[in-house]
PDB file of N, CA and C in Angstrom:
ATOM      1  N   MET A   1     -12.709 -31.506  -8.381  1.00  0.00           N
ATOM      2  CA  MET A   1     -11.848 -32.071  -7.343  1.00  0.00           C
ATOM      3  C   MET A   1     -12.543 -32.000  -6.021  1.00  0.00           C
ATOM      4  N   GLN A   2     -12.407 -32.943  -5.225  1.00  0.00           N
ATOM      5  CA  GLN A   2     -12.969 -32.969  -3.923  1.00  0.00           C
ATOM      6  C   GLN A   2     -11.891 -33.307  -2.907  1.00  0.00           C
ATOM      7  N   GLY A   3     -11.967 -32.740  -1.675  1.00  0.00           N
ATOM      8  CA  GLY A   3     -11.058 -33.141  -0.689  1.00  0.00           C
ATOM      9  C   GLY A   3      -9.748 -32.328  -0.812  1.00  0.00           C
ATOM     10  N   ASN A   4      -8.766 -32.664   0.037  1.00  0.00           N
ATOM     11  CA  ASN A   4      -7.492 -31.978   0.049  1.00  0.00           C
ATOM     12  C   ASN A   4      -6.573 -32.433  -1.081  1.00  0.00           C
ATOM     13  N   ALA A   5      -5.652 -31.644  -1.547  1.00  0.00           N
ATOM     14  CA  ALA A   5      -4.730 -32.002  -2.529  1.00  0.00           C
ATOM     15  C   ALA A   5      -3.350 -31.450  -2.224  1.00  0.00           C
ATOM     16  N   THR A   6      -2.386 -32.130  -2.467  1.00  0.00           N
ATOM     17  CA  THR A   6      -1.058 -31.549  -2.464  1.00  0.00           C
ATOM     18  C   THR A   6      -0.446 -31.302  -3.796  1.00  0.00           C
ATOM     19  N   VAL A   7       0.083 -30.102  -3.940  1.00  0.00           N
ATOM     20  CA  VAL A   7       0.456 -29.603  -5.251  1.00  0.00           C
ATOM     21  C   VAL A   7       2.006 -29.334  -5.119  1.00  0.00           C
ATOM     22  N   THR A   8       2.722 -29.782  -6.010  1.00  0.00           N
ATOM     23  CA  THR A   8       4.149 -29.601  -6.071  1.00  0.00           C
ATOM     24  C   THR A   8       4.489 -29.004  -7.528  1.00  0.00           C
ATOM     25  N   SER A   9       5.537 -28.267  -7.585  1.00  0.00           N
ATOM     26  CA  SER A   9       5.963 -27.740  -8.891  1.00  0.00           C
ATOM     27  C   SER A   9       7.407 -27.746  -9.136  1.00  0.00           C
ATOM     28  N   GLU A  10       7.823 -27.816 -10.322  1.00  0.00           N
ATOM     29  CA  GLU A  10       9.220 -27.831 -10.644  1.00  0.00           C
ATOM     30  C   GLU A  10       9.628 -26.336 -11.061  1.00  0.00           C
ATOM     31  N   ARG A  11       8.733 -25.429 -11.047  1.00  0.00           N
ATOM     32  CA  ARG A  11       8.931 -24.082 -11.441  1.00  0.00           C
ATOM     33  C   ARG A  11       8.536 -23.153 -10.250  1.00  0.00           C
ATOM     34  N   SER A  12       9.152 -21.966 -10.200  1.00  0.00           N
ATOM     35  CA  SER A  12       8.817 -21.018  -9.225  1.00  0.00           C
ATOM     36  C   SER A  12       7.917 -20.054  -9.895  1.00  0.00           C
ATOM     37  N   PHE A  13       7.010 -19.481  -9.051  1.00  0.00           N
ATOM     38  CA  PHE A  13       5.952 -18.558  -9.543  1.00  0.00           C
ATOM     39  C   PHE A  13       6.107 -17.247  -8.811  1.00  0.00           C
ATOM     40  N   GLN A  14       5.809 -16.090  -9.451  1.00  0.00           N
ATOM     41  CA  GLN A  14       5.872 -14.787  -8.986  1.00  0.00           C
ATOM     42  C   GLN A  14       4.435 -14.349  -8.738  1.00  0.00           C
ATOM     43  N   THR A  15       4.087 -13.940  -7.480  1.00  0.00           N
ATOM     44  CA  THR A  15       2.730 -13.349  -7.211  1.00  0.00           C
ATOM     45  C   THR A  15       2.623 -12.025  -7.874  1.00  0.00           C
ATOM     46  N   ILE A  16       1.531 -11.818  -8.548  1.00  0.00           N
ATOM     47  CA  ILE A  16       1.376 -10.508  -9.178  1.00  0.00           C
ATOM     48  C   ILE A  16       0.178  -9.902  -8.600  1.00  0.00           C
ATOM     49  N   GLY A  17       0.237  -8.768  -8.061  1.00  0.00           N
ATOM     50  CA  GLY A  17      -0.869  -8.008  -7.409  1.00  0.00           C
ATOM     51  C   GLY A  17      -1.387  -8.685  -6.136  1.00  0.00           C
ATOM     52  N   GLY A  18      -2.271  -8.134  -5.605  1.00  0.00           N
ATOM     53  CA  GLY A  18      -2.891  -8.721  -4.342  1.00  0.00           C
ATOM     54  C   GLY A  18      -2.065  -8.400  -3.083  1.00  0.00           C
ATOM     55  N   ARG A  19      -1.016  -7.526  -3.128  1.00  0.00           N
ATOM     56  CA  ARG A  19      -0.166  -7.224  -1.965  1.00  0.00           C
ATOM     57  C   ARG A  19      -0.915  -6.068  -1.275  1.00  0.00           C
ATOM     58  N   THR A  20      -0.536  -5.970   0.043  1.00  0.00           N
ATOM     59  CA  THR A  20      -0.984  -4.811   0.801  1.00  0.00           C
ATOM     60  C   THR A  20       0.203  -3.965   1.179  1.00  0.00           C
ATOM     61  N   PHE A  21       0.079  -2.643   1.101  1.00  0.00           N
ATOM     62  CA  PHE A  21       1.105  -1.682   1.371  1.00  0.00           C
ATOM     63  C   PHE A  21       0.504  -0.601   2.311  1.00  0.00           C
ATOM     64  N   TYR A  22       1.416   0.076   2.920  1.00  0.00           N
ATOM     65  CA  TYR A  22       1.015   1.123   3.914  1.00  0.00           C
ATOM     66  C   TYR A  22       1.690   2.531   3.663  1.00  0.00           C
ATOM     67  N   LEU A  23       0.916   3.574   3.849  1.00  0.00           N
ATOM     68  CA  LEU A  23       1.433   4.961   3.703  1.00  0.00           C
ATOM     69  C   LEU A  23       1.093   5.612   4.987  1.00  0.00           C
ATOM     70  N   ALA A  24       2.030   6.362   5.645  1.00  0.00           N
ATOM     71  CA  ALA A  24       1.862   7.073   6.816  1.00  0.00           C
ATOM     72  C   ALA A  24       2.764   8.354   6.835  1.00  0.00           C
ATOM     73  N   THR A  25       2.151   9.348   7.484  1.00  0.00           N
ATOM     74  CA  THR A  25       2.897  10.606   7.567  1.00  0.00           C
ATOM     75  C   THR A  25       4.278  10.302   8.349  1.00  0.00           C
ATOM     76  N   SER A  26       4.329   9.315   9.233  1.00  0.00           N
ATOM     77  CA  SER A  26       5.571   9.044   9.985  1.00  0.00           C
ATOM     78  C   SER A  26       6.416   8.004   9.203  1.00  0.00           C
ATOM     79  N   GLY A  27       6.002   7.697   8.053  1.00  0.00           N
ATOM     80  CA  GLY A  27       6.700   6.687   7.302  1.00  0.00           C
ATOM     81  C   GLY A  27       8.074   7.239   6.729  1.00  0.00           C
ATOM     82  N   ASP A  28       8.744   6.437   5.893  1.00  0.00           N
ATOM     83  CA  ASP A  28       9.967   6.807   5.171  1.00  0.00           C
ATOM     84  C   ASP A  28       9.922   6.189   3.798  1.00  0.00           C
ATOM     85  N   ASP A  29      10.159   7.048   2.833  1.00  0.00           N
ATOM     86  CA  ASP A  29      10.173   6.486   1.424  1.00  0.00           C
ATOM     87  C   ASP A  29      11.140   5.515   1.133  1.00  0.00           C
ATOM     88  N   GLY A  30      12.185   5.384   1.957  1.00  0.00           N
ATOM     89  CA  GLY A  30      13.213   4.308   1.807  1.00  0.00           C
ATOM     90  C   GLY A  30      12.758   2.957   2.282  1.00  0.00           C
ATOM     91  N   ASN A  31      11.569   2.968   3.012  1.00  0.00           N
ATOM     92  CA  ASN A  31      11.009   1.609   3.486  1.00  0.00           C
ATOM     93  C   ASN A  31      10.402   0.815   2.350  1.00  0.00           C
ATOM     94  N   ASN A  32       9.976  -0.414   2.664  1.00  0.00           N
ATOM     95  CA  ASN A  32       9.374  -1.256   1.570  1.00  0.00           C
ATOM     96  C   ASN A  32       7.799  -1.071   1.596  1.00  0.00           C
ATOM     97  N   GLY A  33       7.203  -0.394   2.520  1.00  0.00           N
ATOM     98  CA  GLY A  33       5.868  -0.176   2.599  1.00  0.00           C
ATOM     99  C   GLY A  33       4.976  -1.458   2.976  1.00  0.00           C
ATOM    100  N   GLN A  34       5.592  -2.524   3.305  1.00  0.00           N
ATOM    101  CA  GLN A  34       4.844  -3.738   3.615  1.00  0.00           C
ATOM    102  C   GLN A  34       4.283  -3.926   4.872  1.00  0.00           C
ATOM    103  N   SER A  35       4.456  -3.034   5.865  1.00  0.00           N
ATOM    104  CA  SER A  35       3.863  -3.075   7.151  1.00  0.00           C
ATOM    105  C   SER A  35       3.681  -1.656   7.708  1.00  0.00           C
ATOM    106  N   THR A  36       2.974  -1.556   8.770  1.00  0.00           N
ATOM    107  CA  THR A  36       2.705  -0.206   9.368  1.00  0.00           C
ATOM    108  C   THR A  36       4.089   0.410   9.886  1.00  0.00           C
ATOM    109  N   ASP A  37       4.987  -0.544  10.365  1.00  0.00           N
ATOM    110  CA  ASP A  37       6.217   0.005  10.852  1.00  0.00           C
ATOM    111  C   ASP A  37       7.243   0.368   9.667  1.00  0.00           C
ATOM    112  N   LEU A  38       6.937  -0.112   8.464  1.00  0.00           N
ATOM    113  CA  LEU A  38       7.808   0.146   7.311  1.00  0.00           C
ATOM    114  C   LEU A  38       7.000   0.879   6.213  1.00  0.00           C
ATOM    115  N   ALA A  39       6.137   1.738   6.675  1.00  0.00           N
ATOM    116  CA  ALA A  39       5.216   2.496   5.753  1.00  0.00           C
ATOM    117  C   ALA A  39       6.013   3.403   4.971  1.00  0.00           C
ATOM    118  N   TRP A  40       5.522   3.750   3.728  1.00  0.00           N
ATOM    119  CA  TRP A  40       6.074   4.818   2.890  1.00  0.00           C
ATOM    120  C   TRP A  40       5.539   6.158   3.459  1.00  0.00           C
ATOM    121  N   LYS A  41       6.149   7.261   3.120  1.00  0.00           N
ATOM    122  CA  LYS A  41       5.766   8.536   3.561  1.00  0.00           C
ATOM    123  C   LYS A  41       4.942   9.390   2.555  1.00  0.00           C
ATOM    124  N   THR A  42       5.234   9.225   1.326  1.00  0.00           N
ATOM    125  CA  THR A  42       4.564  10.128   0.286  1.00  0.00           C
ATOM    126  C   THR A  42       3.872   9.324  -0.703  1.00  0.00           C
ATOM    127  N   PHE A  43       2.790   9.859  -1.321  1.00  0.00           N
ATOM    128  CA  PHE A  43       2.081   9.321  -2.419  1.00  0.00           C
ATOM    129  C   PHE A  43       3.052   9.072  -3.622  1.00  0.00           C
ATOM    130  N   ALA A  44       3.919  10.063  -3.740  1.00  0.00           N
ATOM    131  CA  ALA A  44       4.877  10.076  -4.919  1.00  0.00           C
ATOM    132  C   ALA A  44       5.757   8.899  -4.923  1.00  0.00           C
ATOM    133  N   ALA A  45       6.106   8.418  -3.675  1.00  0.00           N
ATOM    134  CA  ALA A  45       6.980   7.206  -3.581  1.00  0.00           C
ATOM    135  C   ALA A  45       6.221   5.877  -3.656  1.00  0.00           C
ATOM    136  N   SER A  46       4.981   5.944  -3.299  1.00  0.00           N
ATOM    137  CA  SER A  46       4.118   4.738  -3.093  1.00  0.00           C
ATOM    138  C   SER A  46       3.395   4.361  -4.405  1.00  0.00           C
ATOM    139  N   ILE A  47       2.755   5.250  -5.019  1.00  0.00           N
ATOM    140  CA  ILE A  47       1.796   4.998  -6.138  1.00  0.00           C
ATOM    141  C   ILE A  47       2.538   4.394  -7.322  1.00  0.00           C
ATOM    142  N   PRO A  48       3.745   4.784  -7.792  1.00  0.00           N
ATOM    143  CA  PRO A  48       4.462   4.045  -8.901  1.00  0.00           C
ATOM    144  C   PRO A  48       4.832   2.617  -8.583  1.00  0.00           C
ATOM    145  N   LYS A  49       4.822   2.198  -7.272  1.00  0.00           N
ATOM    146  CA  LYS A  49       5.350   0.928  -6.889  1.00  0.00           C
ATOM    147  C   LYS A  49       4.136  -0.086  -6.888  1.00  0.00           C
ATOM    148  N   LEU A  50       2.895   0.458  -6.972  1.00  0.00           N
ATOM    149  CA  LEU A  50       1.707  -0.380  -6.763  1.00  0.00           C
ATOM    150  C   LEU A  50       1.483  -1.150  -8.132  1.00  0.00           C
ATOM    151  N   ALA A  51       1.035  -2.389  -8.086  1.00  0.00           N
ATOM    152  CA  ALA A  51       0.573  -3.089  -9.300  1.00  0.00           C
ATOM    153  C   ALA A  51      -0.974  -3.296  -9.182  1.00  0.00           C
ATOM    154  N   ALA A  52      -1.498  -3.675 -10.336  1.00  0.00           N
ATOM    155  CA  ALA A  52      -2.975  -3.942 -10.388  1.00  0.00           C
ATOM    156  C   ALA A  52      -3.301  -5.047  -9.388  1.00  0.00           C
ATOM    157  N   GLY A  53      -4.366  -4.726  -8.457  1.00  0.00           N
ATOM    158  CA  GLY A  53      -4.707  -5.662  -7.442  1.00  0.00           C
ATOM    159  C   GLY A  53      -4.114  -5.342  -6.168  1.00  0.00           C
ATOM    160  N   ASP A  54      -3.147  -4.533  -6.061  1.00  0.00           N
ATOM    161  CA  ASP A  54      -2.498  -4.177  -4.811  1.00  0.00           C
ATOM    162  C   ASP A  54      -3.449  -3.227  -3.929  1.00  0.00           C
ATOM    163  N   THR A  55      -3.278  -3.118  -2.615  1.00  0.00           N
ATOM    164  CA  THR A  55      -4.029  -2.261  -1.777  1.00  0.00           C
ATOM    165  C   THR A  55      -3.083  -1.298  -1.079  1.00  0.00           C
ATOM    166  N   LEU A  56      -3.435  -0.083  -1.066  1.00  0.00           N
ATOM    167  CA  LEU A  56      -2.628   0.896  -0.282  1.00  0.00           C
ATOM    168  C   LEU A  56      -3.475   1.349   0.902  1.00  0.00           C
ATOM    169  N   ILE A  57      -3.012   1.037   2.022  1.00  0.00           N
ATOM    170  CA  ILE A  57      -3.693   1.554   3.353  1.00  0.00           C
ATOM    171  C   ILE A  57      -3.068   2.905   3.636  1.00  0.00           C
ATOM    172  N   VAL A  58      -3.913   3.869   3.661  1.00  0.00           N
ATOM    173  CA  VAL A  58      -3.450   5.267   3.980  1.00  0.00           C
ATOM    174  C   VAL A  58      -3.889   5.580   5.450  1.00  0.00           C
ATOM    175  N   ARG A  59      -2.724   5.660   6.211  1.00  0.00           N
ATOM    176  CA  ARG A  59      -2.910   5.908   7.629  1.00  0.00           C
ATOM    177  C   ARG A  59      -3.357   7.341   7.920  1.00  0.00           C
ATOM    178  N   ASN A  60      -3.992   7.694   8.996  1.00  0.00           N
ATOM    179  CA  ASN A  60      -4.481   8.980   9.410  1.00  0.00           C
ATOM    180  C   ASN A  60      -3.415   9.970   9.404  1.00  0.00           C
ATOM    181  N   GLY A  61      -3.725  11.140   8.818  1.00  0.00           N
ATOM    182  CA  GLY A  61      -2.696  12.306   8.846  1.00  0.00           C
ATOM    183  C   GLY A  61      -2.940  13.233   7.726  1.00  0.00           C
ATOM    184  N   THR A  62      -2.261  14.288   7.667  1.00  0.00           N
ATOM    185  CA  THR A  62      -2.388  15.283   6.583  1.00  0.00           C
ATOM    186  C   THR A  62      -1.221  15.121   5.703  1.00  0.00           C
ATOM    187  N   TYR A  63      -1.392  14.662   4.458  1.00  0.00           N
ATOM    188  CA  TYR A  63      -0.383  14.651   3.448  1.00  0.00           C
ATOM    189  C   TYR A  63      -0.339  15.840   2.621  1.00  0.00           C
ATOM    190  N   THR A  64       0.843  16.467   2.631  1.00  0.00           N
ATOM    191  CA  THR A  64       1.009  17.824   2.049  1.00  0.00           C
ATOM    192  C   THR A  64       1.562  17.841   0.658  1.00  0.00           C
ATOM    193  N   SER A  65       1.801  18.924   0.128  1.00  0.00           N
ATOM    194  CA  SER A  65       2.264  19.139  -1.217  1.00  0.00           C
ATOM    195  C   SER A  65       3.658  18.527  -1.464  1.00  0.00           C
ATOM    196  N   SER A  66       4.229  18.084  -0.397  1.00  0.00           N
ATOM    197  CA  SER A  66       5.580  17.367  -0.597  1.00  0.00           C
ATOM    198  C   SER A  66       5.308  16.002  -1.352  1.00  0.00           C
ATOM    199  N   ASN A  67       4.053  15.749  -1.655  1.00  0.00           N
ATOM    200  CA  ASN A  67       3.761  14.505  -2.448  1.00  0.00           C
ATOM    201  C   ASN A  67       3.945  14.658  -3.911  1.00  0.00           C
ATOM    202  N   SER A  68       4.754  15.572  -4.331  1.00  0.00           N
ATOM    203  CA  SER A  68       5.190  15.751  -5.685  1.00  0.00           C
ATOM    204  C   SER A  68       4.176  15.406  -6.840  1.00  0.00           C
ATOM    205  N   GLY A  69       3.212  16.394  -6.956  1.00  0.00           N
ATOM    206  CA  GLY A  69       2.237  16.167  -8.000  1.00  0.00           C
ATOM    207  C   GLY A  69       0.958  15.564  -7.557  1.00  0.00           C
ATOM    208  N   TYR A  70       0.796  15.025  -6.331  1.00  0.00           N
ATOM    209  CA  TYR A  70      -0.424  14.520  -5.802  1.00  0.00           C
ATOM    210  C   TYR A  70      -0.970  15.644  -4.858  1.00  0.00           C
ATOM    211  N   PRO A  71      -2.237  15.633  -4.831  1.00  0.00           N
ATOM    212  CA  PRO A  71      -3.006  16.676  -4.078  1.00  0.00           C
ATOM    213  C   PRO A  71      -2.733  16.600  -2.565  1.00  0.00           C
ATOM    214  N   ASN A  72      -2.971  17.732  -1.928  1.00  0.00           N
ATOM    215  CA  ASN A  72      -2.966  17.683  -0.475  1.00  0.00           C
ATOM    216  C   ASN A  72      -4.133  16.903   0.046  1.00  0.00           C
ATOM    217  N   ILE A  73      -3.971  16.010   0.894  1.00  0.00           N
ATOM    218  CA  ILE A  73      -5.033  15.048   1.371  1.00  0.00           C
ATOM    219  C   ILE A  73      -5.021  15.123   2.820  1.00  0.00           C
ATOM    220  N   ASN A  74      -6.143  15.427   3.415  1.00  0.00           N
ATOM    221  CA  ASN A  74      -6.294  15.309   4.864  1.00  0.00           C
ATOM    222  C   ASN A  74      -7.321  14.129   5.119  1.00  0.00           C
ATOM    223  N   CYS A  75      -6.757  13.015   5.636  1.00  0.00           N
ATOM    224  CA  CYS A  75      -7.633  11.840   5.684  1.00  0.00           C
ATOM    225  C   CYS A  75      -8.846  12.032   6.681  1.00  0.00           C
ATOM    226  N   THR A  76      -8.732  12.918   7.567  1.00  0.00           N
ATOM    227  CA  THR A  76      -9.769  13.079   8.542  1.00  0.00           C
ATOM    228  C   THR A  76     -10.981  13.701   7.822  1.00  0.00           C
ATOM    229  N   THR A  77     -10.807  14.396   6.701  1.00  0.00           N
ATOM    230  CA  THR A  77     -11.910  15.042   6.038  1.00  0.00           C
ATOM    231  C   THR A  77     -12.176  14.522   4.638  1.00  0.00           C
ATOM    232  N   THR A  78     -11.225  13.878   3.929  1.00  0.00           N
ATOM    233  CA  THR A  78     -11.346  13.552   2.604  1.00  0.00           C
ATOM    234  C   THR A  78     -11.248  12.011   2.320  1.00  0.00           C
ATOM    235  N   ALA A  79     -11.177  11.253   3.365  1.00  0.00           N
ATOM    236  CA  ALA A  79     -11.104   9.748   3.098  1.00  0.00           C
ATOM    237  C   ALA A  79     -12.396   9.227   2.564  1.00  0.00           C
ATOM    238  N   LYS A  80     -12.302   8.304   1.631  1.00  0.00           N
ATOM    239  CA  LYS A  80     -13.444   7.677   1.081  1.00  0.00           C
ATOM    240  C   LYS A  80     -13.399   6.154   1.431  1.00  0.00           C
ATOM    241  N   ASN A  81     -14.606   5.556   1.464  1.00  0.00           N
ATOM    242  CA  ASN A  81     -14.760   4.141   1.677  1.00  0.00           C
ATOM    243  C   ASN A  81     -14.219   3.579   2.925  1.00  0.00           C
ATOM    244  N   ALA A  82     -13.836   4.323   3.870  1.00  0.00           N
ATOM    245  CA  ALA A  82     -13.349   3.841   5.067  1.00  0.00           C
ATOM    246  C   ALA A  82     -13.294   5.020   6.187  1.00  0.00           C
ATOM    247  N   THR A  83     -12.944   4.633   7.334  1.00  0.00           N
ATOM    248  CA  THR A  83     -12.806   5.733   8.313  1.00  0.00           C
ATOM    249  C   THR A  83     -11.313   6.193   8.300  1.00  0.00           C
ATOM    250  N   SER A  84     -11.183   7.367   8.929  1.00  0.00           N
ATOM    251  CA  SER A  84      -9.748   7.923   8.740  1.00  0.00           C
ATOM    252  C   SER A  84      -8.802   7.216   9.602  1.00  0.00           C
ATOM    253  N   SER A  85      -9.190   6.330  10.500  1.00  0.00           N
ATOM    254  CA  SER A  85      -8.195   5.642  11.383  1.00  0.00           C
ATOM    255  C   SER A  85      -7.873   4.247  10.724  1.00  0.00           C
TER     256      SER A  85
END
């Protein structure tokens, strides 16, 4: 195929994976996690909601044992593959 194409469909499609979510110590587990203003607060609330291909952005902060089974994580010292901010 070359050039632009217009595609229409008679069916609706659900996107699977590839979404970005946020986790912050100032978040709330009642949020949807889909923006920095609506970040989740704990790993326990966020991890079960992720699908293959999703990205979880972990904001700077110290995540404590309130994460129900997930380890204490201090992003300023234990972050991998990125900076703590």
